[in-house]
Amino acid sequence: MNFLYNLLLSIVSILLPIIALFNKKIKFFYEGRKETFSKLNSISKTDKVIWFHAASLGEFEQGRPIIEELKQLYTDYKIVVTFFSPSGYEIRKSYPLADVICYLPLDTKTNVKKFIKQIHPEVAIMIKYEFWPNLLSELKKQQIPTILISGIFRKKQSFFKWYGGFMRKKLNAFNHFFVQNETSKSLLNSIGFNNATIAGDTRFDRVHDILQQDNTLAFISEFKNNQYTTVAGSTWKEDEELLVNYINNHAADHEKFIIAPHNIDHKQIKELQRSIHKKTILYSEKKGKNLSDYQVFIVNTIGLLTKIYSYADVAYVGGGLATGLHNILEPATYGIPVIFGGNKYKKFQEAVDLLFLGGAKTVVNTNDFSSNFAVLESGKKLREQMGSINHNYISKNVGATKTIITYLKNTL
């Protein structure tokens, strides 16, 4: 199996530069990795390093509370953060609390040995998932303490199948698993791993802390103008089709909409703007405009969504009809109802929980979308009930960071 895996990696290495010529995301993926080892040159042999690895932006947000706590506790350590996906790296490549931010190199034996040698971490912290066989083998070989945080396991994963011996063996690299739920712990126990603790999801700590920061945005206050407002965050084309249909055909004149697309490519933003028949303004065009005159505000920039959610009466979170649901905890922490597309959310424990508790609803078509938003717009009491459920859910689930930090204090 090792031979087949490494053969596949060799083929991928050859094909990547060719595919990159035709695919923008793969181009970022390929070109960005050319800089990895030069970025790591700032790490000296005498530096003490804590390494975090995140697949993408969502996983980074799960690691962020741990990074921030460790940065305060261990000021003499350097923090290295690696990403697999461009969508995570491009947004957080300037994160100030990390000393080095770069792409994780492809999981070839040569790359892995060189990478580990350069960063020589005191501890390796993997976030949620990302189980790279050669990397885990090297960490185990060099006896580098390795932990998984905010982990979540599902029965259909290869670890728990009859044919999963190759990947099960790689899990021996982990000194400890901090998982989100009982199911994950039970699954690990079933294959002989008893070094698991149910700590929960560190994102609860992150979003709970959001309430303590200043979330004021004067231009959003001007746009909202004390009117009923829906904030649609991290939307994909599939989400926007439902949203635009509602805005054009069902929304009352007093309803306001703020849309923060996942992809802010200029061409796609303009297409979205043209599809909306109500008075619409872009973030990039707001200067000198009377924002209260507009009904739809499209946020064609990044980094503001968390604060913008604080102005919402209802939030729609995108991705559930596309590649996978984005972060519903960010709006939920403000005590507002959350709606999301209903196909690709079952991997997200918080989505399953909030649907069960009644703080969230799913939509799968234009009729679903319109009926749910109409009911929420006219039902203040329902909004308050759903919002209270969401706020309480987050408050009851904080604490994962403290549990993990306690463990790390005995490791570092």
Foldseek 3Di string as FASTA:
>chain_A
DVVVVQVVLVVCVVCLVVVLVPDVFSVCLVVQLVCVVVLLVVFDPPAAEEEEEDAAQQQVLLCVVLLVVVCVVCVRHAYEYEYNGPNHCVVCVVPPSHSGYGHQHRLHLVSLVSVCNSRVYQEYEYEQDDQRQNNLVVLQVVVRAYEYAQHDDDCPDLLNDPPNPSSVVSVVSYPAYAYADPVRCVSCVVNPDNRYDPLHTSSLVVLLCLVVDDLDDPLLCQQLVVFAEEEEEQADPQVLVLVQCCQAPPDDPRYAYEYEHVDLPPVVVVVSVVSHPFFEDEPVGCPPDRNNVGRYYYDSDDDNVLSSLLPHQEYEFYDQQDPATDDPLSNLLSLWAYEYADHHYVSPPVVVVLVVVVLYYHDHDNVRSNVVVVCSVPDSVSGNVSSVSSNVVSVVNPGSSVVVVVVVVVSD
